[in-house]
Amino acid sequence: MKTLFPVCLALALIILSGGCASSPQARIAKNQEAFNGYPAEVRTAIQRGEVAVGFTPEQAKLALGEPDRVLTRTSGEGNTEIWIYREPSPRFGLGMGVGMSNGSMGTGVGVSTGGREFSDERMRVIFTAGRVTAVEQVSR
């Protein structure tokens, strides 16, 4: 039982570190040549982790990273793609249990990385014809 806690702690740290988002600076460093080719106002927004109307998908990814979800909307005006970004908080649960019956003892450990759908949505970026046409942010 004494070794169970360190194992669970190590597992939790591995799971949490895998979900960490990269920073705009790290994404820029990986795509420096493309970043250098953008106009100054676009570079400034990307460095701040902001996206603006007119951005391409590549520029949005440099600023915000990969979206957490992608939706496609089909309407009379055509198709739009919606990128959903969620709060960068870990979705993690850990449970442990001990049971005893007829002199025998058993233990169990459970790990969960799920959560409620859209409960922590912070932003939607809407693309039409390959350009950002709207940015919706959740006020808290």
N, C-alpha and C. Protein backbone atom coordinates (compact mmCIF):
# COMPACT_ATOMS: atom_id res chain seq x y z
N MET A 1 0.82 -1.19 0.00
CA MET A 1 0.00 0.00 0.00
C MET A 1 0.87 1.26 0.00
N LYS A 2 2.07 1.17 0.61
CA LYS A 2 2.95 2.33 0.67
C LYS A 2 3.47 2.70 -0.71
N THR A 3 3.60 1.74 -1.60
CA THR A 3 4.09 2.03 -2.94
C THR A 3 2.97 2.49 -3.87
N LEU A 4 1.74 2.33 -3.48
CA LEU A 4 0.61 2.71 -4.33
C LEU A 4 0.55 4.22 -4.55
N PHE A 5 0.76 5.00 -3.51
CA PHE A 5 0.66 6.46 -3.64
C PHE A 5 1.72 7.02 -4.59
N PRO A 6 3.01 6.67 -4.45
CA PRO A 6 3.99 7.20 -5.41
C PRO A 6 3.69 6.79 -6.86
N VAL A 7 3.19 5.59 -7.06
CA VAL A 7 2.84 5.15 -8.42
C VAL A 7 1.71 6.00 -8.97
N CYS A 8 0.70 6.24 -8.16
CA CYS A 8 -0.44 7.07 -8.60
C CYS A 8 -0.01 8.50 -8.85
N LEU A 9 0.86 9.03 -7.99
CA LEU A 9 1.35 10.39 -8.17
C LEU A 9 2.15 10.51 -9.47
N ALA A 10 3.01 9.55 -9.74
CA ALA A 10 3.79 9.56 -10.97
C ALA A 10 2.88 9.49 -12.19
N LEU A 11 1.87 8.64 -12.14
CA LEU A 11 0.92 8.51 -13.24
C LEU A 11 0.17 9.82 -13.46
N ALA A 12 -0.24 10.45 -12.38
CA ALA A 12 -0.96 11.73 -12.48
C ALA A 12 -0.08 12.79 -13.13
N LEU A 13 1.18 12.87 -12.74
CA LEU A 13 2.08 13.86 -13.32
C LEU A 13 2.32 13.61 -14.80
N ILE A 14 2.42 12.37 -15.19
CA ILE A 14 2.61 12.04 -16.61
C ILE A 14 1.39 12.48 -17.42
N ILE A 15 0.21 12.18 -16.91
CA ILE A 15 -1.02 12.55 -17.62
C ILE A 15 -1.15 14.06 -17.71
N LEU A 16 -0.89 14.76 -16.61
CA LEU A 16 -1.01 16.21 -16.61
C LEU A 16 0.01 16.87 -17.51
N SER A 17 1.22 16.37 -17.54
CA SER A 17 2.25 16.99 -18.39
C SER A 17 1.94 16.76 -19.86
N GLY A 18 1.29 15.68 -20.20
CA GLY A 18 0.93 15.42 -21.60
C GLY A 18 -0.13 16.36 -22.10
N GLY A 19 -0.93 16.96 -21.22
CA GLY A 19 -2.00 17.84 -21.64
C GLY A 19 -1.61 19.30 -21.66
N CYS A 20 -0.38 19.64 -21.33
CA CYS A 20 0.05 21.03 -21.29
C CYS A 20 0.11 21.61 -22.69
N ALA A 21 -0.39 22.81 -22.84
CA ALA A 21 -0.38 23.46 -24.14
C ALA A 21 0.95 24.18 -24.36
N SER A 22 1.35 24.28 -25.62
CA SER A 22 2.56 25.01 -25.93
C SER A 22 2.24 26.50 -25.98
N SER A 23 3.25 27.33 -25.85
CA SER A 23 3.07 28.77 -25.88
C SER A 23 3.18 29.28 -27.31
N PRO A 24 2.68 30.50 -27.56
CA PRO A 24 2.86 31.07 -28.90
C PRO A 24 4.34 31.14 -29.27
N GLN A 25 5.21 31.47 -28.32
CA GLN A 25 6.63 31.58 -28.61
C GLN A 25 7.22 30.24 -29.05
N ALA A 26 6.79 29.16 -28.42
CA ALA A 26 7.28 27.83 -28.82
C ALA A 26 6.78 27.47 -30.21
N ARG A 27 5.53 27.81 -30.52
CA ARG A 27 4.99 27.52 -31.85
C ARG A 27 5.67 28.38 -32.90
N ILE A 28 5.96 29.63 -32.56
CA ILE A 28 6.67 30.52 -33.50
C ILE A 28 8.05 29.96 -33.80
N ALA A 29 8.76 29.52 -32.76
CA ALA A 29 10.11 28.99 -32.94
C ALA A 29 10.11 27.80 -33.90
N LYS A 30 9.06 26.99 -33.87
CA LYS A 30 8.97 25.84 -34.77
C LYS A 30 8.60 26.24 -36.19
N ASN A 31 8.06 27.44 -36.36
CA ASN A 31 7.60 27.92 -37.67
C ASN A 31 8.14 29.32 -37.94
N GLN A 32 9.39 29.55 -37.60
CA GLN A 32 9.98 30.89 -37.66
C GLN A 32 9.93 31.50 -39.06
N GLU A 33 10.21 30.71 -40.08
CA GLU A 33 10.25 31.24 -41.44
C GLU A 33 8.88 31.76 -41.87
N ALA A 34 7.83 30.99 -41.61
CA ALA A 34 6.48 31.44 -41.96
C ALA A 34 6.11 32.68 -41.15
N PHE A 35 6.42 32.66 -39.85
CA PHE A 35 6.12 33.79 -38.97
C PHE A 35 6.78 35.07 -39.48
N ASN A 36 8.04 34.98 -39.88
CA ASN A 36 8.78 36.15 -40.36
C ASN A 36 8.15 36.76 -41.62
N GLY A 37 7.43 35.98 -42.40
CA GLY A 37 6.81 36.47 -43.62
C GLY A 37 5.50 37.20 -43.42
N TYR A 38 4.96 37.19 -42.20
CA TYR A 38 3.67 37.84 -41.93
C TYR A 38 3.87 39.34 -41.68
N PRO A 39 2.84 40.14 -41.95
CA PRO A 39 2.93 41.58 -41.65
C PRO A 39 3.14 41.81 -40.15
N ALA A 40 3.67 42.96 -39.79
CA ALA A 40 4.01 43.28 -38.40
C ALA A 40 2.81 43.15 -37.46
N GLU A 41 1.63 43.62 -37.89
CA GLU A 41 0.46 43.56 -37.00
C GLU A 41 0.01 42.12 -36.75
N VAL A 42 0.19 41.25 -37.74
CA VAL A 42 -0.13 39.84 -37.57
C VAL A 42 0.87 39.19 -36.62
N ARG A 43 2.15 39.50 -36.79
CA ARG A 43 3.19 38.94 -35.90
C ARG A 43 2.95 39.36 -34.45
N THR A 44 2.59 40.63 -34.24
CA THR A 44 2.34 41.12 -32.89
C THR A 44 1.17 40.38 -32.25
N ALA A 45 0.07 40.20 -32.99
CA ALA A 45 -1.09 39.48 -32.47
C ALA A 45 -0.72 38.04 -32.13
N ILE A 46 0.00 37.38 -33.01
CA ILE A 46 0.40 35.99 -32.77
C ILE A 46 1.25 35.90 -31.50
N GLN A 47 2.20 36.81 -31.33
CA GLN A 47 3.05 36.80 -30.14
C GLN A 47 2.24 36.98 -28.86
N ARG A 48 1.13 37.68 -28.94
CA ARG A 48 0.25 37.91 -27.78
C ARG A 48 -0.73 36.74 -27.57
N GLY A 49 -0.74 35.79 -28.51
CA GLY A 49 -1.69 34.70 -28.41
C GLY A 49 -3.09 35.12 -28.79
N GLU A 50 -3.18 36.07 -29.73
CA GLU A 50 -4.48 36.59 -30.17
C GLU A 50 -4.69 36.26 -31.64
N VAL A 51 -5.96 36.16 -32.02
CA VAL A 51 -6.32 35.91 -33.41
C VAL A 51 -7.28 37.02 -33.85
N ALA A 52 -7.23 37.39 -35.13
CA ALA A 52 -8.06 38.48 -35.63
C ALA A 52 -8.76 38.07 -36.91
N VAL A 53 -9.80 38.80 -37.23
CA VAL A 53 -10.52 38.58 -38.49
C VAL A 53 -9.52 38.74 -39.63
N GLY A 54 -9.56 37.82 -40.59
CA GLY A 54 -8.66 37.83 -41.72
C GLY A 54 -7.50 36.86 -41.58
N PHE A 55 -7.26 36.33 -40.38
CA PHE A 55 -6.18 35.36 -40.18
C PHE A 55 -6.45 34.09 -40.98
N THR A 56 -5.38 33.46 -41.42
CA THR A 56 -5.46 32.14 -42.06
C THR A 56 -5.46 31.08 -40.96
N PRO A 57 -5.82 29.85 -41.29
CA PRO A 57 -5.73 28.78 -40.29
C PRO A 57 -4.31 28.63 -39.71
N GLU A 58 -3.29 28.79 -40.54
CA GLU A 58 -1.91 28.66 -40.07
C GLU A 58 -1.58 29.74 -39.05
N GLN A 59 -2.03 30.96 -39.30
CA GLN A 59 -1.79 32.06 -38.36
C GLN A 59 -2.53 31.83 -37.06
N ALA A 60 -3.76 31.34 -37.15
CA ALA A 60 -4.54 31.05 -35.95
C ALA A 60 -3.87 29.96 -35.11
N LYS A 61 -3.35 28.94 -35.77
CA LYS A 61 -2.66 27.87 -35.04
C LYS A 61 -1.40 28.37 -34.36
N LEU A 62 -0.67 29.28 -35.01
CA LEU A 62 0.51 29.86 -34.36
C LEU A 62 0.11 30.64 -33.11
N ALA A 63 -0.98 31.38 -33.19
CA ALA A 63 -1.41 32.21 -32.07
C ALA A 63 -2.02 31.38 -30.94
N LEU A 64 -2.87 30.42 -31.29
CA LEU A 64 -3.68 29.73 -30.28
C LEU A 64 -3.34 28.25 -30.10
N GLY A 65 -2.63 27.67 -31.05
CA GLY A 65 -2.38 26.23 -30.99
C GLY A 65 -3.49 25.47 -31.70
N GLU A 66 -3.42 24.17 -31.62
CA GLU A 66 -4.45 23.32 -32.23
C GLU A 66 -5.77 23.49 -31.49
N PRO A 67 -6.89 23.54 -32.20
CA PRO A 67 -8.18 23.64 -31.52
C PRO A 67 -8.50 22.34 -30.77
N ASP A 68 -9.33 22.47 -29.74
CA ASP A 68 -9.75 21.30 -28.98
C ASP A 68 -10.85 20.53 -29.70
N ARG A 69 -11.64 21.24 -30.49
CA ARG A 69 -12.70 20.62 -31.29
C ARG A 69 -12.85 21.41 -32.58
N VAL A 70 -13.29 20.73 -33.62
CA VAL A 70 -13.57 21.40 -34.90
C VAL A 70 -14.97 20.99 -35.33
N LEU A 71 -15.79 21.98 -35.63
CA LEU A 71 -17.15 21.75 -36.11
C LEU A 71 -17.26 22.31 -37.52
N THR A 72 -18.15 21.73 -38.31
CA THR A 72 -18.45 22.26 -39.64
C THR A 72 -19.92 22.65 -39.66
N ARG A 73 -20.18 23.89 -40.06
CA ARG A 73 -21.55 24.39 -40.17
C ARG A 73 -21.88 24.54 -41.65
N THR A 74 -23.00 23.96 -42.07
CA THR A 74 -23.47 24.10 -43.44
C THR A 74 -24.76 24.91 -43.40
N SER A 75 -24.79 25.99 -44.17
CA SER A 75 -25.98 26.85 -44.21
C SER A 75 -26.21 27.31 -45.65
N GLY A 76 -27.20 28.14 -45.83
CA GLY A 76 -27.50 28.68 -47.16
C GLY A 76 -26.36 29.50 -47.73
N GLU A 77 -25.53 30.07 -46.85
CA GLU A 77 -24.38 30.87 -47.30
C GLU A 77 -23.17 30.01 -47.64
N GLY A 78 -23.22 28.73 -47.29
CA GLY A 78 -22.09 27.85 -47.56
C GLY A 78 -21.59 27.17 -46.29
N ASN A 79 -20.37 26.68 -46.34
CA ASN A 79 -19.78 25.98 -45.20
C ASN A 79 -18.86 26.90 -44.42
N THR A 80 -18.92 26.75 -43.11
CA THR A 80 -17.96 27.42 -42.23
C THR A 80 -17.36 26.37 -41.32
N GLU A 81 -16.13 26.63 -40.91
CA GLU A 81 -15.46 25.74 -39.97
C GLU A 81 -15.31 26.50 -38.67
N ILE A 82 -15.63 25.83 -37.57
CA ILE A 82 -15.59 26.45 -36.26
C ILE A 82 -14.57 25.72 -35.40
N TRP A 83 -13.59 26.46 -34.94
CA TRP A 83 -12.58 25.90 -34.04
C TRP A 83 -12.95 26.30 -32.62
N ILE A 84 -13.00 25.31 -31.76
CA ILE A 84 -13.36 25.55 -30.36
C ILE A 84 -12.12 25.36 -29.49
N TYR A 85 -11.88 26.36 -28.64
CA TYR A 85 -10.78 26.30 -27.69
C TYR A 85 -11.37 26.27 -26.28
N ARG A 86 -10.83 25.39 -25.48
CA ARG A 86 -11.31 25.23 -24.10
C ARG A 86 -10.27 25.79 -23.15
N GLU A 87 -10.69 26.02 -21.93
CA GLU A 87 -9.76 26.49 -20.90
C GLU A 87 -8.66 25.46 -20.73
N PRO A 88 -7.43 25.91 -20.59
CA PRO A 88 -6.32 24.96 -20.44
C PRO A 88 -6.18 24.43 -19.02
N SER A 89 -7.25 23.83 -18.53
CA SER A 89 -7.20 23.26 -17.18
C SER A 89 -7.25 21.74 -17.30
N PRO A 90 -6.52 21.07 -16.43
CA PRO A 90 -6.51 19.61 -16.51
C PRO A 90 -7.86 19.01 -16.16
N ARG A 91 -8.24 18.00 -16.88
CA ARG A 91 -9.44 17.23 -16.61
C ARG A 91 -8.97 15.90 -16.06
N PHE A 92 -8.86 15.83 -14.74
CA PHE A 92 -8.22 14.67 -14.16
C PHE A 92 -8.91 14.29 -12.86
N GLY A 93 -9.14 13.02 -12.68
CA GLY A 93 -9.67 12.51 -11.42
C GLY A 93 -8.94 11.25 -11.03
N LEU A 94 -8.78 11.06 -9.75
CA LEU A 94 -8.07 9.89 -9.24
C LEU A 94 -8.89 9.31 -8.10
N GLY A 95 -9.11 8.02 -8.14
CA GLY A 95 -9.86 7.37 -7.07
C GLY A 95 -9.13 6.13 -6.58
N MET A 96 -9.20 5.91 -5.30
CA MET A 96 -8.59 4.72 -4.71
C MET A 96 -9.62 4.07 -3.80
N GLY A 97 -9.56 2.76 -3.72
CA GLY A 97 -10.50 2.06 -2.85
C GLY A 97 -9.84 0.86 -2.19
N VAL A 98 -10.35 0.55 -1.02
CA VAL A 98 -9.88 -0.61 -0.27
C VAL A 98 -11.12 -1.38 0.17
N GLY A 99 -11.10 -2.68 0.00
CA GLY A 99 -12.22 -3.51 0.42
C GLY A 99 -11.74 -4.73 1.17
N MET A 100 -12.60 -5.24 2.04
CA MET A 100 -12.22 -6.41 2.83
C MET A 100 -13.43 -7.32 2.95
N SER A 101 -13.19 -8.60 2.74
CA SER A 101 -14.27 -9.57 2.85
C SER A 101 -13.69 -10.90 3.26
N ASN A 102 -14.26 -11.52 4.28
CA ASN A 102 -13.84 -12.83 4.75
C ASN A 102 -12.33 -12.93 4.96
N GLY A 103 -11.75 -11.90 5.54
CA GLY A 103 -10.33 -11.94 5.83
C GLY A 103 -9.43 -11.58 4.67
N SER A 104 -9.99 -11.37 3.49
CA SER A 104 -9.17 -10.99 2.33
C SER A 104 -9.30 -9.48 2.11
N MET A 105 -8.23 -8.89 1.67
CA MET A 105 -8.24 -7.44 1.43
C MET A 105 -7.89 -7.18 -0.02
N GLY A 106 -8.56 -6.21 -0.61
CA GLY A 106 -8.29 -5.83 -1.99
C GLY A 106 -8.19 -4.33 -2.12
N THR A 107 -7.42 -3.88 -3.08
CA THR A 107 -7.29 -2.45 -3.33
C THR A 107 -7.54 -2.19 -4.81
N GLY A 108 -7.88 -0.95 -5.11
CA GLY A 108 -8.11 -0.57 -6.50
C GLY A 108 -7.80 0.89 -6.71
N VAL A 109 -7.41 1.22 -7.92
CA VAL A 109 -7.10 2.59 -8.29
C VAL A 109 -7.79 2.89 -9.61
N GLY A 110 -8.36 4.09 -9.73
CA GLY A 110 -8.99 4.51 -10.98
C GLY A 110 -8.51 5.89 -11.38
N VAL A 111 -8.35 6.09 -12.66
CA VAL A 111 -7.92 7.38 -13.19
C VAL A 111 -8.92 7.80 -14.26
N SER A 112 -9.32 9.07 -14.23
CA SER A 112 -10.26 9.59 -15.22
C SER A 112 -9.68 10.87 -15.83
N THR A 113 -9.80 11.00 -17.13
CA THR A 113 -9.35 12.22 -17.80
C THR A 113 -10.48 12.84 -18.62
N GLY A 114 -11.71 12.58 -18.27
CA GLY A 114 -12.85 13.10 -19.02
C GLY A 114 -13.47 14.29 -18.34
N GLY A 115 -14.54 14.77 -18.90
CA GLY A 115 -15.25 15.90 -18.31
C GLY A 115 -16.52 16.18 -19.08
N ARG A 116 -17.26 17.17 -18.61
CA ARG A 116 -18.51 17.54 -19.28
C ARG A 116 -18.20 18.27 -20.58
N GLU A 117 -19.01 18.04 -21.56
CA GLU A 117 -18.84 18.63 -22.88
C GLU A 117 -19.07 20.14 -22.82
N PHE A 118 -18.15 20.94 -23.34
CA PHE A 118 -18.26 22.39 -23.50
C PHE A 118 -18.35 23.18 -22.20
N SER A 119 -18.17 22.55 -21.05
CA SER A 119 -18.32 23.29 -19.80
C SER A 119 -17.25 24.35 -19.63
N ASP A 120 -16.13 24.21 -20.30
CA ASP A 120 -15.04 25.15 -20.12
C ASP A 120 -14.62 25.82 -21.44
N GLU A 121 -15.57 25.94 -22.35
CA GLU A 121 -15.27 26.57 -23.64
C GLU A 121 -14.93 28.04 -23.41
N ARG A 122 -13.84 28.51 -24.03
CA ARG A 122 -13.44 29.90 -23.85
C ARG A 122 -13.49 30.72 -25.13
N MET A 123 -13.39 30.03 -26.30
CA MET A 123 -13.33 30.78 -27.55
C MET A 123 -13.75 29.90 -28.72
N ARG A 124 -14.39 30.56 -29.69
CA ARG A 124 -14.69 29.94 -30.99
C ARG A 124 -14.11 30.83 -32.07
N VAL A 125 -13.41 30.21 -33.02
CA VAL A 125 -12.85 30.94 -34.16
C VAL A 125 -13.55 30.38 -35.39
N ILE A 126 -14.22 31.26 -36.13
CA ILE A 126 -15.03 30.85 -37.28
C ILE A 126 -14.30 31.21 -38.57
N PHE A 127 -14.16 30.20 -39.44
CA PHE A 127 -13.49 30.37 -40.73
C PHE A 127 -14.50 30.22 -41.86
N THR A 128 -14.42 31.12 -42.82
CA THR A 128 -15.18 31.01 -44.06
C THR A 128 -14.19 31.22 -45.20
N ALA A 129 -14.17 30.31 -46.15
CA ALA A 129 -13.26 30.37 -47.30
C ALA A 129 -11.81 30.55 -46.87
N GLY A 130 -11.42 29.85 -45.80
CA GLY A 130 -10.02 29.83 -45.39
C GLY A 130 -9.52 31.04 -44.63
N ARG A 131 -10.44 31.88 -44.16
CA ARG A 131 -10.04 33.07 -43.38
C ARG A 131 -10.95 33.20 -42.16
N VAL A 132 -10.40 33.75 -41.08
CA VAL A 132 -11.20 34.00 -39.89
C VAL A 132 -12.20 35.10 -40.23
N THR A 133 -13.49 34.81 -40.01
CA THR A 133 -14.54 35.78 -40.25
C THR A 133 -15.19 36.26 -38.95
N ALA A 134 -14.94 35.52 -37.85
CA ALA A 134 -15.48 35.93 -36.56
C ALA A 134 -14.70 35.23 -35.44
N VAL A 135 -14.62 35.92 -34.31
CA VAL A 135 -14.03 35.35 -33.10
C VAL A 135 -15.02 35.57 -31.98
N GLU A 136 -15.43 34.50 -31.34
CA GLU A 136 -16.37 34.57 -30.23
C GLU A 136 -15.65 34.17 -28.95
N GLN A 137 -15.68 35.05 -27.95
CA GLN A 137 -15.04 34.74 -26.67
C GLN A 137 -16.08 34.69 -25.58
N VAL A 138 -15.90 33.77 -24.66
CA VAL A 138 -16.81 33.60 -23.55
C VAL A 138 -16.40 34.56 -22.43
N SER A 139 -17.34 35.35 -21.95
CA SER A 139 -17.08 36.25 -20.82
C SER A 139 -17.33 35.49 -19.54
N ARG A 140 -16.45 35.66 -18.60
CA ARG A 140 -16.61 34.99 -17.30
C ARG A 140 -16.64 35.99 -16.20
